[in-house]
Amino acid sequence: MPELAGIHHVKLPVTDLDRSRDWYGRVLGFKVTHEFPDAQDGVVRGVAGEVPGLGDSMLCLRVNSQAAQGCQGFDPVSFAVPDRADIDAWAAHLDALGIPHSPVIEASIGRLLVFNGIPGTAARCPERARGFLGGSRRFLNGSAVHALTGI
């Protein structure tokens, strides 16, 4: 089997591109590096960019209201943070932005921080995956941030 070299990008469907760009920028440090105008009318309906800590993997946002609605309450991607101190730092960051969040929760997958994004969305910070148990995707240890779609 040929070897993969990592994840090139993660594309999240959104309902409002401007609000989503702003939210991901304020919360995750998202910086747009590419805009994708629609071929038919020239309106920008997609963007791609960098998020600190993701290395070469890009975050992409694309207007697709139906897909965004279908993803409500589902966390399709997990962004890792190193440890409990970083989860606490995320809680302080969210406090500074005025984004309500849970206390740090001891969950089955490890420590977890849950917060809401733009109304109808949510995000989580569970522990970083260093392995999986069977096919269940249960994290063994570490820390992570989940960003949900539906913005």
N, C-alpha and C. Protein backbone atom coordinates (compact mmCIF):
# COMPACT_ATOMS: atom_id res chain seq x y z
N MET A 1 0.84 -1.17 0.00
CA MET A 1 0.00 0.00 0.00
C MET A 1 0.90 1.24 0.00
N PRO A 2 0.59 2.25 -0.81
CA PRO A 2 1.35 3.50 -0.78
C PRO A 2 1.17 4.20 0.55
N GLU A 3 2.17 4.96 0.96
CA GLU A 3 2.13 5.65 2.25
C GLU A 3 1.52 7.04 2.11
N LEU A 4 0.72 7.43 3.11
CA LEU A 4 0.19 8.79 3.18
C LEU A 4 1.21 9.70 3.84
N ALA A 5 1.15 10.98 3.53
CA ALA A 5 2.10 11.95 4.08
C ALA A 5 1.45 12.89 5.09
N GLY A 6 0.24 12.58 5.54
CA GLY A 6 -0.45 13.44 6.49
C GLY A 6 -1.78 13.89 5.94
N ILE A 7 -2.35 14.92 6.54
CA ILE A 7 -3.63 15.48 6.10
C ILE A 7 -3.35 16.81 5.42
N HIS A 8 -3.76 16.96 4.17
CA HIS A 8 -3.55 18.19 3.43
C HIS A 8 -4.45 19.31 3.96
N HIS A 9 -5.77 19.03 4.08
CA HIS A 9 -6.70 20.02 4.61
C HIS A 9 -7.93 19.35 5.18
N VAL A 10 -8.61 20.10 6.03
CA VAL A 10 -9.91 19.71 6.56
C VAL A 10 -10.88 20.80 6.12
N LYS A 11 -11.95 20.41 5.42
CA LYS A 11 -12.93 21.38 4.93
C LYS A 11 -14.20 21.27 5.75
N LEU A 12 -14.61 22.40 6.34
CA LEU A 12 -15.82 22.44 7.15
C LEU A 12 -16.90 23.23 6.42
N PRO A 13 -18.11 22.67 6.33
CA PRO A 13 -19.20 23.42 5.72
C PRO A 13 -19.73 24.47 6.67
N VAL A 14 -20.05 25.67 6.15
CA VAL A 14 -20.55 26.77 6.97
C VAL A 14 -21.74 27.42 6.28
N THR A 15 -22.53 28.17 7.04
CA THR A 15 -23.66 28.90 6.46
C THR A 15 -23.32 30.36 6.21
N ASP A 16 -22.38 30.91 6.96
CA ASP A 16 -22.01 32.32 6.85
C ASP A 16 -20.49 32.42 6.85
N LEU A 17 -19.90 32.65 5.69
CA LEU A 17 -18.45 32.62 5.56
C LEU A 17 -17.77 33.73 6.37
N ASP A 18 -18.31 34.94 6.34
CA ASP A 18 -17.69 36.04 7.08
C ASP A 18 -17.69 35.78 8.58
N ARG A 19 -18.82 35.35 9.12
CA ARG A 19 -18.89 35.04 10.56
C ARG A 19 -17.95 33.90 10.92
N SER A 20 -17.87 32.91 10.05
CA SER A 20 -17.02 31.74 10.31
C SER A 20 -15.55 32.12 10.28
N ARG A 21 -15.15 32.91 9.27
CA ARG A 21 -13.76 33.39 9.19
C ARG A 21 -13.39 34.13 10.47
N ASP A 22 -14.28 35.00 10.92
CA ASP A 22 -14.03 35.78 12.12
C ASP A 22 -13.92 34.88 13.34
N TRP A 23 -14.88 33.95 13.50
CA TRP A 23 -14.90 33.08 14.68
C TRP A 23 -13.65 32.20 14.73
N TYR A 24 -13.34 31.53 13.64
CA TYR A 24 -12.15 30.66 13.63
C TYR A 24 -10.87 31.49 13.78
N GLY A 25 -10.89 32.71 13.29
CA GLY A 25 -9.74 33.60 13.48
C GLY A 25 -9.54 33.97 14.94
N ARG A 26 -10.63 34.39 15.59
CA ARG A 26 -10.53 34.80 17.01
C ARG A 26 -10.23 33.62 17.92
N VAL A 27 -10.87 32.48 17.66
CA VAL A 27 -10.76 31.35 18.57
C VAL A 27 -9.53 30.50 18.29
N LEU A 28 -9.25 30.18 17.02
CA LEU A 28 -8.14 29.28 16.69
C LEU A 28 -6.94 29.97 16.06
N GLY A 29 -7.04 31.27 15.79
CA GLY A 29 -5.94 31.96 15.13
C GLY A 29 -5.88 31.71 13.63
N PHE A 30 -7.00 31.31 13.03
CA PHE A 30 -7.09 31.02 11.60
C PHE A 30 -6.74 32.25 10.78
N LYS A 31 -5.80 32.08 9.83
CA LYS A 31 -5.40 33.15 8.92
C LYS A 31 -5.63 32.68 7.49
N VAL A 32 -6.48 33.37 6.78
CA VAL A 32 -6.82 33.00 5.41
C VAL A 32 -5.63 33.24 4.49
N THR A 33 -5.29 32.23 3.70
CA THR A 33 -4.21 32.34 2.71
C THR A 33 -4.73 32.18 1.28
N HIS A 34 -5.93 31.62 1.13
CA HIS A 34 -6.52 31.42 -0.19
C HIS A 34 -8.01 31.72 -0.13
N GLU A 35 -8.54 32.36 -1.15
CA GLU A 35 -9.98 32.57 -1.31
C GLU A 35 -10.40 31.88 -2.60
N PHE A 36 -11.61 31.31 -2.59
CA PHE A 36 -12.11 30.56 -3.74
C PHE A 36 -13.41 31.19 -4.25
N PRO A 37 -13.29 32.06 -5.27
CA PRO A 37 -14.50 32.64 -5.85
C PRO A 37 -15.26 31.60 -6.66
N ASP A 38 -16.57 31.71 -6.62
CA ASP A 38 -17.44 30.82 -7.39
C ASP A 38 -17.19 31.04 -8.89
N ALA A 39 -17.10 29.99 -9.65
CA ALA A 39 -16.81 30.08 -11.09
C ALA A 39 -17.92 30.80 -11.86
N GLN A 40 -19.17 30.71 -11.35
CA GLN A 40 -20.29 31.31 -12.09
C GLN A 40 -20.48 32.79 -11.81
N ASP A 41 -20.36 33.20 -10.55
CA ASP A 41 -20.66 34.61 -10.24
C ASP A 41 -19.51 35.37 -9.58
N GLY A 42 -18.39 34.70 -9.31
CA GLY A 42 -17.23 35.36 -8.74
C GLY A 42 -17.29 35.63 -7.25
N VAL A 43 -18.39 35.27 -6.60
CA VAL A 43 -18.53 35.49 -5.15
C VAL A 43 -17.67 34.47 -4.41
N VAL A 44 -16.89 34.95 -3.44
CA VAL A 44 -16.06 34.06 -2.63
C VAL A 44 -16.96 33.28 -1.68
N ARG A 45 -16.97 31.95 -1.84
CA ARG A 45 -17.78 31.09 -0.99
C ARG A 45 -16.93 30.05 -0.25
N GLY A 46 -15.62 30.17 -0.41
CA GLY A 46 -14.71 29.26 0.28
C GLY A 46 -13.39 29.93 0.56
N VAL A 47 -12.76 29.54 1.66
CA VAL A 47 -11.45 30.04 2.02
C VAL A 47 -10.63 28.88 2.60
N ALA A 48 -9.32 29.04 2.52
CA ALA A 48 -8.40 28.08 3.14
C ALA A 48 -7.33 28.88 3.85
N GLY A 49 -6.76 28.28 4.87
CA GLY A 49 -5.72 29.00 5.57
C GLY A 49 -5.02 28.17 6.61
N GLU A 50 -4.22 28.88 7.39
CA GLU A 50 -3.37 28.28 8.41
C GLU A 50 -3.96 28.46 9.80
N VAL A 51 -3.73 27.46 10.63
CA VAL A 51 -4.08 27.53 12.05
C VAL A 51 -2.81 27.18 12.81
N PRO A 52 -2.37 28.03 13.74
CA PRO A 52 -1.17 27.72 14.50
C PRO A 52 -1.25 26.32 15.12
N GLY A 53 -0.19 25.56 14.94
CA GLY A 53 -0.12 24.22 15.51
C GLY A 53 -0.51 23.11 14.56
N LEU A 54 -1.09 23.45 13.40
CA LEU A 54 -1.50 22.41 12.45
C LEU A 54 -0.42 22.08 11.43
N GLY A 55 0.71 22.73 11.50
CA GLY A 55 1.78 22.45 10.55
C GLY A 55 1.33 22.78 9.14
N ASP A 56 1.56 21.86 8.22
CA ASP A 56 1.21 22.08 6.82
C ASP A 56 -0.26 21.80 6.51
N SER A 57 -0.99 21.22 7.44
CA SER A 57 -2.41 20.93 7.21
C SER A 57 -3.21 22.24 7.26
N MET A 58 -4.08 22.43 6.28
CA MET A 58 -4.87 23.66 6.21
C MET A 58 -6.29 23.42 6.69
N LEU A 59 -6.91 24.50 7.19
CA LEU A 59 -8.33 24.52 7.50
C LEU A 59 -9.03 25.23 6.36
N CYS A 60 -10.10 24.64 5.85
CA CYS A 60 -10.89 25.25 4.78
C CYS A 60 -12.33 25.41 5.27
N LEU A 61 -12.93 26.51 4.89
CA LEU A 61 -14.33 26.79 5.19
C LEU A 61 -15.03 26.98 3.86
N ARG A 62 -16.17 26.33 3.66
CA ARG A 62 -16.90 26.41 2.40
C ARG A 62 -18.38 26.57 2.70
N VAL A 63 -19.00 27.57 2.07
CA VAL A 63 -20.44 27.78 2.25
C VAL A 63 -21.19 26.59 1.65
N ASN A 64 -21.94 25.92 2.51
CA ASN A 64 -22.80 24.81 2.12
C ASN A 64 -23.79 24.64 3.27
N SER A 65 -24.89 25.39 3.21
CA SER A 65 -25.84 25.43 4.32
C SER A 65 -26.42 24.06 4.65
N GLN A 66 -26.74 23.29 3.62
CA GLN A 66 -27.33 21.97 3.86
C GLN A 66 -26.35 21.05 4.58
N ALA A 67 -25.10 21.02 4.14
CA ALA A 67 -24.09 20.19 4.81
C ALA A 67 -23.83 20.69 6.22
N ALA A 68 -23.79 22.01 6.40
CA ALA A 68 -23.56 22.57 7.73
C ALA A 68 -24.68 22.16 8.69
N GLN A 69 -25.91 22.22 8.23
CA GLN A 69 -27.04 21.80 9.08
C GLN A 69 -26.93 20.32 9.42
N GLY A 70 -26.50 19.51 8.45
CA GLY A 70 -26.36 18.08 8.68
C GLY A 70 -25.26 17.74 9.67
N CYS A 71 -24.31 18.64 9.85
CA CYS A 71 -23.19 18.41 10.78
C CYS A 71 -23.45 18.94 12.18
N GLN A 72 -24.60 19.60 12.41
CA GLN A 72 -24.88 20.14 13.74
C GLN A 72 -24.79 19.03 14.78
N GLY A 73 -24.06 19.31 15.86
CA GLY A 73 -23.93 18.34 16.94
C GLY A 73 -22.93 17.23 16.66
N PHE A 74 -22.18 17.35 15.57
CA PHE A 74 -21.20 16.33 15.19
C PHE A 74 -19.83 17.00 15.13
N ASP A 75 -18.82 16.37 15.69
CA ASP A 75 -17.48 16.94 15.67
C ASP A 75 -16.58 16.15 14.74
N PRO A 76 -16.42 16.64 13.49
CA PRO A 76 -15.72 15.88 12.46
C PRO A 76 -14.21 15.89 12.54
N VAL A 77 -13.62 16.77 13.34
CA VAL A 77 -12.17 16.86 13.40
C VAL A 77 -11.74 17.22 14.81
N SER A 78 -10.56 16.74 15.20
CA SER A 78 -10.04 17.01 16.53
C SER A 78 -8.66 17.63 16.40
N PHE A 79 -8.47 18.80 16.98
CA PHE A 79 -7.18 19.48 16.97
C PHE A 79 -6.52 19.28 18.32
N ALA A 80 -5.33 18.72 18.33
CA ALA A 80 -4.66 18.34 19.58
C ALA A 80 -4.01 19.51 20.30
N VAL A 81 -4.03 19.44 21.62
CA VAL A 81 -3.22 20.29 22.50
C VAL A 81 -2.44 19.34 23.40
N PRO A 82 -1.26 19.77 23.88
CA PRO A 82 -0.36 18.83 24.56
C PRO A 82 -0.84 18.22 25.88
N ASP A 83 -1.46 19.01 26.77
CA ASP A 83 -1.71 18.46 28.10
C ASP A 83 -2.76 19.26 28.85
N ARG A 84 -2.96 18.91 30.13
CA ARG A 84 -3.96 19.56 30.97
C ARG A 84 -3.70 21.05 31.09
N ALA A 85 -2.45 21.46 31.19
CA ALA A 85 -2.14 22.89 31.29
C ALA A 85 -2.66 23.63 30.06
N ASP A 86 -2.57 22.99 28.90
CA ASP A 86 -3.06 23.63 27.68
C ASP A 86 -4.59 23.66 27.64
N ILE A 87 -5.24 22.65 28.19
CA ILE A 87 -6.70 22.71 28.29
C ILE A 87 -7.10 23.88 29.19
N ASP A 88 -6.38 24.04 30.30
CA ASP A 88 -6.64 25.18 31.19
C ASP A 88 -6.39 26.51 30.46
N ALA A 89 -5.34 26.55 29.63
CA ALA A 89 -5.05 27.75 28.85
C ALA A 89 -6.17 28.03 27.85
N TRP A 90 -6.74 26.98 27.26
CA TRP A 90 -7.88 27.15 26.35
C TRP A 90 -9.08 27.73 27.10
N ALA A 91 -9.30 27.24 28.33
CA ALA A 91 -10.41 27.77 29.13
C ALA A 91 -10.21 29.27 29.38
N ALA A 92 -8.98 29.67 29.71
CA ALA A 92 -8.69 31.09 29.94
C ALA A 92 -8.85 31.89 28.65
N HIS A 93 -8.42 31.34 27.52
CA HIS A 93 -8.57 31.99 26.21
C HIS A 93 -10.05 32.21 25.90
N LEU A 94 -10.86 31.18 26.13
CA LEU A 94 -12.30 31.30 25.88
C LEU A 94 -12.93 32.32 26.81
N ASP A 95 -12.51 32.34 28.07
CA ASP A 95 -13.00 33.34 29.01
C ASP A 95 -12.71 34.75 28.50
N ALA A 96 -11.49 34.95 28.01
CA ALA A 96 -11.09 36.26 27.50
C ALA A 96 -11.93 36.69 26.29
N LEU A 97 -12.39 35.71 25.52
CA LEU A 97 -13.22 35.98 24.34
C LEU A 97 -14.71 36.06 24.69
N GLY A 98 -15.06 35.73 25.94
CA GLY A 98 -16.46 35.74 26.34
C GLY A 98 -17.23 34.54 25.81
N ILE A 99 -16.54 33.45 25.54
CA ILE A 99 -17.20 32.23 25.03
C ILE A 99 -17.42 31.29 26.21
N PRO A 100 -18.69 31.03 26.58
CA PRO A 100 -18.96 30.11 27.69
C PRO A 100 -18.43 28.71 27.39
N HIS A 101 -18.03 28.00 28.45
CA HIS A 101 -17.50 26.65 28.29
C HIS A 101 -17.75 25.85 29.55
N SER A 102 -17.60 24.55 29.42
CA SER A 102 -17.72 23.66 30.57
C SER A 102 -16.47 23.79 31.43
N PRO A 103 -16.55 23.28 32.66
CA PRO A 103 -15.29 23.08 33.39
C PRO A 103 -14.54 21.94 32.69
N VAL A 104 -13.30 21.72 33.06
CA VAL A 104 -12.57 20.57 32.52
C VAL A 104 -13.25 19.32 33.06
N ILE A 105 -13.65 18.44 32.15
CA ILE A 105 -14.41 17.23 32.49
C ILE A 105 -13.49 16.02 32.38
N GLU A 106 -13.57 15.12 33.35
CA GLU A 106 -12.87 13.83 33.24
C GLU A 106 -13.82 12.89 32.50
N ALA A 107 -13.58 12.69 31.22
CA ALA A 107 -14.47 11.88 30.36
C ALA A 107 -13.82 10.54 30.06
N SER A 108 -14.58 9.66 29.40
CA SER A 108 -14.06 8.33 29.07
C SER A 108 -12.85 8.40 28.15
N ILE A 109 -12.74 9.48 27.37
CA ILE A 109 -11.60 9.62 26.46
C ILE A 109 -10.48 10.44 27.08
N GLY A 110 -10.64 10.87 28.30
CA GLY A 110 -9.66 11.71 28.98
C GLY A 110 -10.28 13.03 29.37
N ARG A 111 -9.45 13.98 29.72
CA ARG A 111 -9.96 15.30 30.10
C ARG A 111 -10.57 15.99 28.89
N LEU A 112 -11.61 16.79 29.13
CA LEU A 112 -12.40 17.36 28.05
C LEU A 112 -12.88 18.75 28.43
N LEU A 113 -12.81 19.69 27.49
CA LEU A 113 -13.37 21.03 27.65
C LEU A 113 -14.34 21.23 26.51
N VAL A 114 -15.58 21.58 26.82
CA VAL A 114 -16.62 21.75 25.81
C VAL A 114 -17.03 23.21 25.78
N PHE A 115 -17.13 23.76 24.57
CA PHE A 115 -17.58 25.15 24.45
C PHE A 115 -18.39 25.33 23.19
N ASN A 116 -19.27 26.34 23.22
CA ASN A 116 -20.12 26.64 22.08
C ASN A 116 -19.47 27.69 21.21
N GLY A 117 -19.65 27.52 19.91
CA GLY A 117 -19.18 28.50 18.95
C GLY A 117 -20.32 29.43 18.60
N ILE A 118 -20.44 29.75 17.35
CA ILE A 118 -21.57 30.53 16.87
C ILE A 118 -22.82 29.70 17.17
N PRO A 119 -23.96 30.30 17.52
CA PRO A 119 -25.14 29.53 17.92
C PRO A 119 -25.39 28.32 17.03
N GLY A 120 -25.61 27.17 17.68
CA GLY A 120 -25.85 25.93 16.97
C GLY A 120 -24.60 25.10 16.75
N THR A 121 -23.46 25.59 17.20
CA THR A 121 -22.23 24.83 17.03
C THR A 121 -21.62 24.57 18.39
N ALA A 122 -20.66 23.70 18.43
CA ALA A 122 -19.95 23.42 19.68
C ALA A 122 -18.53 23.01 19.36
N ALA A 123 -17.69 23.01 20.35
CA ALA A 123 -16.31 22.55 20.19
C ALA A 123 -15.89 21.86 21.46
N ARG A 124 -14.88 21.02 21.36
CA ARG A 124 -14.41 20.27 22.52
C ARG A 124 -12.91 20.22 22.55
N CYS A 125 -12.37 20.09 23.75
CA CYS A 125 -10.94 19.86 23.96
C CYS A 125 -10.79 18.56 24.74
N PRO A 126 -10.74 17.40 24.10
CA PRO A 126 -10.45 16.17 24.85
C PRO A 126 -8.97 15.85 24.78
N GLU A 127 -8.57 14.83 25.50
CA GLU A 127 -7.15 14.50 25.55
C GLU A 127 -6.63 13.98 24.22
N ARG A 128 -5.36 14.25 23.96
CA ARG A 128 -4.69 13.90 22.70
C ARG A 128 -4.61 12.39 22.51
N ALA A 129 -4.89 11.96 21.28
CA ALA A 129 -4.83 10.53 20.95
C ALA A 129 -3.38 10.07 20.81
N ARG A 130 -3.02 9.05 21.53
CA ARG A 130 -1.72 8.42 21.34
C ARG A 130 -1.92 6.98 20.93
N GLY A 131 -3.16 6.58 20.79
CA GLY A 131 -3.50 5.22 20.38
C GLY A 131 -5.00 5.05 20.46
N PHE A 132 -5.49 3.98 19.91
CA PHE A 132 -6.92 3.70 19.92
C PHE A 132 -7.15 2.32 20.51
N LEU A 133 -8.31 2.12 21.10
CA LEU A 133 -8.70 0.81 21.60
C LEU A 133 -9.59 0.18 20.55
N GLY A 134 -9.12 -0.86 19.92
CA GLY A 134 -9.89 -1.52 18.86
C GLY A 134 -10.27 -0.52 17.79
N GLY A 135 -11.49 -0.62 17.29
CA GLY A 135 -11.97 0.32 16.29
C GLY A 135 -12.88 1.37 16.89
N SER A 136 -12.88 1.50 18.21
CA SER A 136 -13.85 2.36 18.86
C SER A 136 -13.44 3.82 18.90
N ARG A 137 -12.22 4.16 18.50
CA ARG A 137 -11.71 5.52 18.54
C ARG A 137 -11.67 6.07 19.96
N ARG A 138 -11.51 5.24 20.96
CA ARG A 138 -11.33 5.73 22.33
C ARG A 138 -9.88 6.15 22.48
N PHE A 139 -9.65 7.38 22.89
CA PHE A 139 -8.30 7.87 23.07
C PHE A 139 -7.69 7.25 24.33
N LEU A 140 -6.41 6.92 24.26
CA LEU A 140 -5.73 6.36 25.42
C LEU A 140 -5.21 7.45 26.35
N ASN A 141 -4.62 8.53 25.80
CA ASN A 141 -4.16 9.63 26.64
C ASN A 141 -3.75 10.81 25.77
N GLY A 142 -3.53 12.01 26.35
CA GLY A 142 -3.17 13.22 25.63
C GLY A 142 -4.27 14.27 25.73
N SER A 143 -4.33 15.29 24.81
CA SER A 143 -5.35 16.36 24.83
C SER A 143 -5.68 16.85 23.41
N ALA A 144 -6.90 17.33 23.13
CA ALA A 144 -7.25 17.82 21.80
C ALA A 144 -8.39 18.83 21.83
N VAL A 145 -8.55 19.59 20.75
CA VAL A 145 -9.64 20.53 20.57
C VAL A 145 -10.50 20.04 19.42
N HIS A 146 -11.81 19.97 19.61
CA HIS A 146 -12.72 19.62 18.53
C HIS A 146 -13.41 20.88 18.05
N ALA A 147 -13.44 21.11 16.77
CA ALA A 147 -14.19 22.23 16.22
C ALA A 147 -15.31 21.69 15.36
N LEU A 148 -16.53 22.10 15.63
CA LEU A 148 -17.67 21.61 14.88
C LEU A 148 -18.08 22.59 13.80
N THR A 149 -18.86 22.08 12.88
CA THR A 149 -19.33 22.88 11.76
C THR A 149 -20.72 23.43 12.05
N GLY A 150 -21.37 23.95 11.05
CA GLY A 150 -22.73 24.44 11.18
C GLY A 150 -22.78 25.92 11.47
N ILE A 151 -21.71 26.63 11.22
CA ILE A 151 -21.67 28.07 11.52
C ILE A 151 -22.46 28.84 10.49
